[in-house]
Amino acid sequence: MTDLADIRSYNAAQEGANKKICNALLKEVRRGLPDAEFKIWHRHPVWFLDGNPVVGYAVRKNSVCLLFWSGQSFDEPDLAPEGSFKAAEANYTSAGEVDAKAISRWLKKARTIQWDYKNIVKRKGKLVRLT
């Protein structure tokens, strides 16, 4: 597991609004998933439940993306589909856009609605619903 200092270093390396957004997201994700493992994974902060990635964030060119690996199954209109699997995302351009209530709701769903990304390679790209 990565020390929290690594994620704080990631956030500190960001500029302006992105740093504030990352700090707000860190606070909300830690509040919503206090028992989750976390680390810098593929250069971005990611939280895991039983070794399965459930949520993470990344700074992009014009925003900060909060990604839920199983988010397309959450039935949440404010999460946009991302990629060809089950991921969905919310994008932020200012810390004021970070909605703690929405994130809390999404994190509850992330705990109870999961697809098995941990074993996707073993299953040759096939996703299986865990919960």
N, C-alpha and C. Protein backbone atom coordinates (compact mmCIF):
# COMPACT_ATOMS: atom_id res chain seq x y z
N MET A 1 0.85 -1.18 0.00
CA MET A 1 0.00 0.00 0.00
C MET A 1 0.89 1.24 0.00
N THR A 2 0.47 2.23 -0.70
CA THR A 2 1.18 3.50 -0.76
C THR A 2 0.88 4.30 0.49
N ASP A 3 1.87 4.97 0.97
CA ASP A 3 1.68 5.87 2.09
C ASP A 3 0.84 7.06 1.62
N LEU A 4 0.01 7.58 2.50
CA LEU A 4 -0.81 8.74 2.17
C LEU A 4 0.05 9.91 1.69
N ALA A 5 1.29 9.94 2.14
CA ALA A 5 2.20 11.02 1.71
C ALA A 5 2.39 11.02 0.20
N ASP A 6 2.36 9.84 -0.43
CA ASP A 6 2.51 9.77 -1.89
C ASP A 6 1.33 10.43 -2.60
N ILE A 7 0.15 10.23 -2.07
CA ILE A 7 -1.03 10.86 -2.69
C ILE A 7 -1.01 12.36 -2.41
N ARG A 8 -0.62 12.74 -1.23
CA ARG A 8 -0.52 14.18 -0.94
C ARG A 8 0.55 14.83 -1.82
N SER A 9 1.62 14.11 -2.10
CA SER A 9 2.66 14.64 -3.01
C SER A 9 2.11 14.80 -4.43
N TYR A 10 1.30 13.81 -4.87
CA TYR A 10 0.66 13.92 -6.18
C TYR A 10 -0.18 15.20 -6.22
N ASN A 11 -1.02 15.40 -5.19
CA ASN A 11 -1.87 16.59 -5.15
C ASN A 11 -1.04 17.87 -5.13
N ALA A 12 0.02 17.89 -4.31
CA ALA A 12 0.85 19.09 -4.18
C ALA A 12 1.56 19.44 -5.49
N ALA A 13 1.80 18.46 -6.34
CA ALA A 13 2.47 18.70 -7.61
C ALA A 13 1.56 19.37 -8.65
N GLN A 14 0.26 19.43 -8.36
CA GLN A 14 -0.69 20.02 -9.30
C GLN A 14 -0.69 21.54 -9.13
N GLU A 15 -1.26 22.22 -10.09
CA GLU A 15 -1.27 23.68 -10.06
C GLU A 15 -2.67 24.24 -9.88
N GLY A 16 -2.74 25.38 -9.22
CA GLY A 16 -3.97 26.17 -9.12
C GLY A 16 -5.20 25.40 -8.72
N ALA A 17 -6.23 25.53 -9.55
CA ALA A 17 -7.52 24.90 -9.26
C ALA A 17 -7.39 23.38 -9.17
N ASN A 18 -6.52 22.79 -9.97
CA ASN A 18 -6.39 21.33 -9.95
C ASN A 18 -5.93 20.83 -8.58
N LYS A 19 -5.03 21.56 -7.94
CA LYS A 19 -4.57 21.17 -6.60
C LYS A 19 -5.72 21.20 -5.61
N LYS A 20 -6.55 22.25 -5.67
CA LYS A 20 -7.70 22.35 -4.76
C LYS A 20 -8.71 21.24 -5.02
N ILE A 21 -8.94 20.92 -6.28
CA ILE A 21 -9.87 19.85 -6.63
C ILE A 21 -9.34 18.51 -6.10
N CYS A 22 -8.07 18.24 -6.34
CA CYS A 22 -7.48 16.97 -5.87
C CYS A 22 -7.57 16.86 -4.36
N ASN A 23 -7.31 17.94 -3.64
CA ASN A 23 -7.40 17.90 -2.18
C ASN A 23 -8.83 17.65 -1.72
N ALA A 24 -9.80 18.26 -2.41
CA ALA A 24 -11.21 18.04 -2.07
C ALA A 24 -11.61 16.59 -2.35
N LEU A 25 -11.15 16.05 -3.47
CA LEU A 25 -11.48 14.66 -3.80
C LEU A 25 -10.84 13.69 -2.82
N LEU A 26 -9.60 13.95 -2.44
CA LEU A 26 -8.93 13.11 -1.46
C LEU A 26 -9.73 13.07 -0.16
N LYS A 27 -10.17 14.22 0.30
CA LYS A 27 -10.94 14.30 1.54
C LYS A 27 -12.23 13.48 1.44
N GLU A 28 -12.95 13.62 0.33
CA GLU A 28 -14.24 12.92 0.18
C GLU A 28 -14.05 11.41 0.02
N VAL A 29 -13.06 11.00 -0.75
CA VAL A 29 -12.84 9.57 -0.95
C VAL A 29 -12.39 8.91 0.36
N ARG A 30 -11.52 9.55 1.09
CA ARG A 30 -11.08 8.99 2.39
C ARG A 30 -12.24 8.90 3.36
N ARG A 31 -13.13 9.89 3.32
CA ARG A 31 -14.30 9.88 4.20
C ARG A 31 -15.25 8.74 3.81
N GLY A 32 -15.45 8.55 2.52
CA GLY A 32 -16.41 7.55 2.05
C GLY A 32 -15.89 6.13 2.03
N LEU A 33 -14.57 5.96 1.92
CA LEU A 33 -13.97 4.61 1.88
C LEU A 33 -12.80 4.54 2.87
N PRO A 34 -13.07 4.73 4.16
CA PRO A 34 -11.98 4.79 5.13
C PRO A 34 -11.19 3.49 5.26
N ASP A 35 -11.80 2.37 4.92
CA ASP A 35 -11.14 1.07 5.06
C ASP A 35 -10.49 0.58 3.77
N ALA A 36 -10.60 1.35 2.70
CA ALA A 36 -10.06 0.91 1.41
C ALA A 36 -8.54 1.04 1.38
N GLU A 37 -7.92 0.16 0.62
CA GLU A 37 -6.50 0.29 0.32
C GLU A 37 -6.36 1.39 -0.72
N PHE A 38 -5.22 2.05 -0.74
CA PHE A 38 -5.00 3.09 -1.74
C PHE A 38 -3.53 3.13 -2.10
N LYS A 39 -3.28 3.59 -3.32
CA LYS A 39 -1.90 3.74 -3.78
C LYS A 39 -1.89 4.57 -5.05
N ILE A 40 -0.69 4.97 -5.42
CA ILE A 40 -0.50 5.58 -6.73
C ILE A 40 -0.39 4.41 -7.70
N TRP A 41 -1.31 4.35 -8.63
CA TRP A 41 -1.40 3.24 -9.57
C TRP A 41 -1.50 3.83 -10.97
N HIS A 42 -0.63 3.44 -11.85
CA HIS A 42 -0.55 4.04 -13.19
C HIS A 42 -0.44 5.56 -13.08
N ARG A 43 0.35 6.02 -12.10
CA ARG A 43 0.68 7.43 -11.85
C ARG A 43 -0.45 8.26 -11.26
N HIS A 44 -1.53 7.63 -10.78
CA HIS A 44 -2.67 8.37 -10.22
C HIS A 44 -3.16 7.73 -8.93
N PRO A 45 -3.77 8.51 -8.03
CA PRO A 45 -4.33 7.95 -6.80
C PRO A 45 -5.53 7.06 -7.11
N VAL A 46 -5.50 5.84 -6.56
CA VAL A 46 -6.58 4.87 -6.78
C VAL A 46 -6.86 4.15 -5.46
N TRP A 47 -8.15 3.89 -5.21
CA TRP A 47 -8.59 3.15 -4.02
C TRP A 47 -9.12 1.79 -4.46
N PHE A 48 -8.85 0.78 -3.62
CA PHE A 48 -9.17 -0.61 -3.92
C PHE A 48 -9.95 -1.23 -2.77
N LEU A 49 -10.88 -2.11 -3.10
CA LEU A 49 -11.56 -2.94 -2.11
C LEU A 49 -11.24 -4.38 -2.47
N ASP A 50 -10.64 -5.10 -1.55
CA ASP A 50 -10.21 -6.48 -1.79
C ASP A 50 -9.38 -6.62 -3.07
N GLY A 51 -8.51 -5.65 -3.31
CA GLY A 51 -7.62 -5.69 -4.46
C GLY A 51 -8.25 -5.25 -5.77
N ASN A 52 -9.52 -4.89 -5.75
CA ASN A 52 -10.23 -4.48 -6.96
C ASN A 52 -10.31 -2.94 -7.00
N PRO A 53 -9.85 -2.30 -8.09
CA PRO A 53 -9.93 -0.84 -8.16
C PRO A 53 -11.38 -0.37 -8.22
N VAL A 54 -11.72 0.63 -7.39
CA VAL A 54 -13.09 1.12 -7.40
C VAL A 54 -13.20 2.60 -7.74
N VAL A 55 -12.21 3.41 -7.32
CA VAL A 55 -12.28 4.84 -7.60
C VAL A 55 -10.88 5.42 -7.63
N GLY A 56 -10.72 6.43 -8.44
CA GLY A 56 -9.45 7.15 -8.49
C GLY A 56 -9.66 8.48 -9.18
N TYR A 57 -8.63 9.31 -9.13
CA TYR A 57 -8.73 10.57 -9.85
C TYR A 57 -7.42 10.87 -10.56
N ALA A 58 -7.55 11.68 -11.60
CA ALA A 58 -6.40 12.02 -12.43
C ALA A 58 -6.57 13.43 -12.99
N VAL A 59 -5.48 14.15 -13.04
CA VAL A 59 -5.48 15.47 -13.64
C VAL A 59 -5.34 15.31 -15.14
N ARG A 60 -6.25 15.93 -15.85
CA ARG A 60 -6.20 15.93 -17.31
C ARG A 60 -5.90 17.35 -17.79
N LYS A 61 -5.89 17.53 -19.08
CA LYS A 61 -5.51 18.83 -19.64
C LYS A 61 -6.39 19.97 -19.13
N ASN A 62 -7.71 19.78 -19.13
CA ASN A 62 -8.61 20.87 -18.76
C ASN A 62 -9.48 20.59 -17.54
N SER A 63 -9.21 19.50 -16.83
CA SER A 63 -10.06 19.16 -15.69
C SER A 63 -9.39 18.09 -14.84
N VAL A 64 -10.06 17.78 -13.72
CA VAL A 64 -9.67 16.64 -12.90
C VAL A 64 -10.80 15.63 -13.03
N CYS A 65 -10.44 14.41 -13.37
CA CYS A 65 -11.41 13.33 -13.59
C CYS A 65 -11.50 12.45 -12.36
N LEU A 66 -12.70 12.25 -11.84
CA LEU A 66 -12.97 11.29 -10.78
C LEU A 66 -13.59 10.08 -11.47
N LEU A 67 -12.88 8.95 -11.43
CA LEU A 67 -13.28 7.76 -12.19
C LEU A 67 -13.74 6.66 -11.24
N PHE A 68 -14.88 6.08 -11.55
CA PHE A 68 -15.40 4.92 -10.85
C PHE A 68 -15.35 3.75 -11.82
N TRP A 69 -14.57 2.72 -11.49
CA TRP A 69 -14.37 1.59 -12.39
C TRP A 69 -15.69 0.92 -12.76
N SER A 70 -16.64 0.86 -11.85
CA SER A 70 -17.92 0.21 -12.12
C SER A 70 -19.06 1.21 -12.25
N GLY A 71 -18.73 2.46 -12.47
CA GLY A 71 -19.68 3.56 -12.44
C GLY A 71 -20.83 3.51 -13.42
N GLN A 72 -20.67 2.84 -14.55
CA GLN A 72 -21.79 2.76 -15.49
C GLN A 72 -22.95 1.95 -14.91
N SER A 73 -22.69 1.14 -13.91
CA SER A 73 -23.73 0.34 -13.27
C SER A 73 -24.40 1.06 -12.10
N PHE A 74 -23.99 2.29 -11.82
CA PHE A 74 -24.53 3.02 -10.67
C PHE A 74 -25.88 3.68 -10.96
N ASP A 75 -26.27 3.82 -12.21
CA ASP A 75 -27.49 4.52 -12.59
C ASP A 75 -27.48 5.95 -12.04
N GLU A 76 -26.41 6.66 -12.36
CA GLU A 76 -26.22 8.04 -11.92
C GLU A 76 -26.03 8.94 -13.14
N PRO A 77 -26.99 9.82 -13.42
CA PRO A 77 -26.91 10.65 -14.63
C PRO A 77 -25.73 11.61 -14.66
N ASP A 78 -25.16 11.95 -13.50
CA ASP A 78 -24.03 12.88 -13.49
C ASP A 78 -22.68 12.21 -13.71
N LEU A 79 -22.69 10.89 -13.89
CA LEU A 79 -21.47 10.16 -14.24
C LEU A 79 -21.55 9.80 -15.71
N ALA A 80 -20.52 10.17 -16.46
CA ALA A 80 -20.48 9.92 -17.90
C ALA A 80 -19.70 8.63 -18.19
N PRO A 81 -20.20 7.80 -19.09
CA PRO A 81 -19.46 6.59 -19.45
C PRO A 81 -18.05 6.93 -19.92
N GLU A 82 -17.11 6.05 -19.57
CA GLU A 82 -15.71 6.24 -19.96
C GLU A 82 -15.15 4.90 -20.40
N GLY A 83 -14.64 4.85 -21.61
CA GLY A 83 -14.00 3.63 -22.10
C GLY A 83 -14.98 2.56 -22.54
N SER A 84 -14.44 1.38 -22.80
CA SER A 84 -15.26 0.30 -23.36
C SER A 84 -15.70 -0.73 -22.33
N PHE A 85 -15.39 -0.51 -21.05
CA PHE A 85 -15.82 -1.46 -20.02
C PHE A 85 -16.96 -0.84 -19.22
N LYS A 86 -16.89 -0.81 -17.92
CA LYS A 86 -18.00 -0.34 -17.08
C LYS A 86 -17.70 0.96 -16.34
N ALA A 87 -16.61 1.63 -16.66
CA ALA A 87 -16.20 2.83 -15.94
C ALA A 87 -17.08 4.03 -16.31
N ALA A 88 -17.17 4.95 -15.34
CA ALA A 88 -17.86 6.23 -15.56
C ALA A 88 -17.12 7.29 -14.76
N GLU A 89 -17.27 8.54 -15.18
CA GLU A 89 -16.48 9.61 -14.60
C GLU A 89 -17.28 10.89 -14.39
N ALA A 90 -16.74 11.70 -13.51
CA ALA A 90 -17.19 13.08 -13.33
C ALA A 90 -15.94 13.94 -13.49
N ASN A 91 -16.10 15.08 -14.14
CA ASN A 91 -14.96 15.98 -14.37
C ASN A 91 -15.20 17.31 -13.68
N TYR A 92 -14.13 17.85 -13.12
CA TYR A 92 -14.20 19.09 -12.35
C TYR A 92 -13.18 20.09 -12.87
N THR A 93 -13.61 21.36 -12.93
CA THR A 93 -12.70 22.44 -13.31
C THR A 93 -12.49 23.42 -12.15
N SER A 94 -13.25 23.26 -11.06
CA SER A 94 -13.04 24.07 -9.86
C SER A 94 -13.46 23.26 -8.64
N ALA A 95 -12.86 23.56 -7.51
CA ALA A 95 -13.17 22.84 -6.28
C ALA A 95 -14.62 23.05 -5.86
N GLY A 96 -15.22 24.16 -6.23
CA GLY A 96 -16.62 24.42 -5.92
C GLY A 96 -17.58 23.47 -6.58
N GLU A 97 -17.15 22.80 -7.64
CA GLU A 97 -18.00 21.83 -8.32
C GLU A 97 -18.04 20.48 -7.61
N VAL A 98 -17.12 20.24 -6.70
CA VAL A 98 -17.04 18.96 -6.00
C VAL A 98 -18.23 18.87 -5.03
N ASP A 99 -19.16 17.99 -5.34
CA ASP A 99 -20.40 17.82 -4.57
C ASP A 99 -20.22 16.66 -3.60
N ALA A 100 -20.02 16.98 -2.33
CA ALA A 100 -19.74 15.95 -1.32
C ALA A 100 -20.87 14.94 -1.21
N LYS A 101 -22.11 15.39 -1.30
CA LYS A 101 -23.26 14.47 -1.18
C LYS A 101 -23.29 13.49 -2.35
N ALA A 102 -23.05 13.98 -3.55
CA ALA A 102 -23.04 13.10 -4.72
C ALA A 102 -21.89 12.10 -4.62
N ILE A 103 -20.72 12.58 -4.25
CA ILE A 103 -19.57 11.68 -4.13
C ILE A 103 -19.82 10.63 -3.06
N SER A 104 -20.40 11.02 -1.95
CA SER A 104 -20.73 10.06 -0.89
C SER A 104 -21.67 8.98 -1.42
N ARG A 105 -22.67 9.38 -2.17
CA ARG A 105 -23.63 8.42 -2.76
C ARG A 105 -22.92 7.49 -3.74
N TRP A 106 -22.05 8.05 -4.57
CA TRP A 106 -21.33 7.24 -5.54
C TRP A 106 -20.39 6.26 -4.86
N LEU A 107 -19.74 6.70 -3.77
CA LEU A 107 -18.82 5.82 -3.04
C LEU A 107 -19.57 4.68 -2.37
N LYS A 108 -20.77 4.93 -1.89
CA LYS A 108 -21.59 3.84 -1.33
C LYS A 108 -21.89 2.82 -2.41
N LYS A 109 -22.21 3.30 -3.60
CA LYS A 109 -22.48 2.39 -4.71
C LYS A 109 -21.21 1.66 -5.14
N ALA A 110 -20.06 2.36 -5.08
CA ALA A 110 -18.79 1.72 -5.45
C ALA A 110 -18.49 0.54 -4.54
N ARG A 111 -18.92 0.63 -3.31
CA ARG A 111 -18.71 -0.46 -2.36
C ARG A 111 -19.61 -1.66 -2.67
N THR A 112 -20.82 -1.39 -3.12
CA THR A 112 -21.80 -2.47 -3.30
C THR A 112 -21.98 -2.94 -4.75
N ILE A 113 -21.54 -2.13 -5.70
CA ILE A 113 -21.66 -2.50 -7.12
C ILE A 113 -20.25 -2.55 -7.70
N GLN A 114 -19.78 -3.76 -7.95
CA GLN A 114 -18.41 -3.90 -8.47
C GLN A 114 -18.35 -4.94 -9.58
N TRP A 115 -17.53 -4.61 -10.57
CA TRP A 115 -17.13 -5.56 -11.60
C TRP A 115 -15.69 -5.96 -11.29
N ASP A 116 -15.33 -7.17 -11.63
CA ASP A 116 -14.03 -7.73 -11.24
C ASP A 116 -12.91 -7.32 -12.19
N TYR A 117 -12.39 -6.11 -11.95
CA TYR A 117 -11.26 -5.63 -12.74
C TYR A 117 -9.96 -6.30 -12.32
N LYS A 118 -9.90 -6.75 -11.08
CA LYS A 118 -8.69 -7.38 -10.56
C LYS A 118 -8.29 -8.60 -11.40
N ASN A 119 -9.27 -9.32 -11.92
CA ASN A 119 -9.00 -10.56 -12.67
C ASN A 119 -9.31 -10.44 -14.16
N ILE A 120 -9.38 -9.23 -14.68
CA ILE A 120 -9.75 -9.04 -16.08
C ILE A 120 -8.72 -9.66 -17.04
N VAL A 121 -7.44 -9.59 -16.69
CA VAL A 121 -6.41 -10.17 -17.56
C VAL A 121 -6.53 -11.69 -17.54
N LYS A 122 -6.70 -12.25 -16.37
CA LYS A 122 -6.85 -13.70 -16.22
C LYS A 122 -8.06 -14.21 -17.01
N ARG A 123 -9.10 -13.38 -17.09
CA ARG A 123 -10.31 -13.77 -17.81
C ARG A 123 -10.29 -13.28 -19.27
N LYS A 124 -9.14 -12.89 -19.72
CA LYS A 124 -8.93 -12.48 -21.12
C LYS A 124 -9.88 -11.36 -21.56
N GLY A 125 -9.98 -10.33 -20.70
CA GLY A 125 -10.76 -9.16 -21.06
C GLY A 125 -12.23 -9.24 -20.71
N LYS A 126 -12.67 -10.33 -20.15
CA LYS A 126 -14.08 -10.47 -19.79
C LYS A 126 -14.30 -10.00 -18.36
N LEU A 127 -15.28 -9.10 -18.19
CA LEU A 127 -15.63 -8.61 -16.86
C LEU A 127 -16.75 -9.45 -16.29
N VAL A 128 -16.65 -9.72 -14.98
CA VAL A 128 -17.67 -10.47 -14.26
C VAL A 128 -18.14 -9.61 -13.11
N ARG A 129 -19.44 -9.57 -12.91
CA ARG A 129 -20.01 -8.77 -11.81
C ARG A 129 -19.72 -9.46 -10.49
N LEU A 130 -19.20 -8.71 -9.51
CA LEU A 130 -18.91 -9.26 -8.19
C LEU A 130 -20.08 -9.09 -7.24
N THR A 131 -20.62 -7.89 -7.20
CA THR A 131 -21.71 -7.59 -6.26
C THR A 131 -22.81 -6.86 -6.96
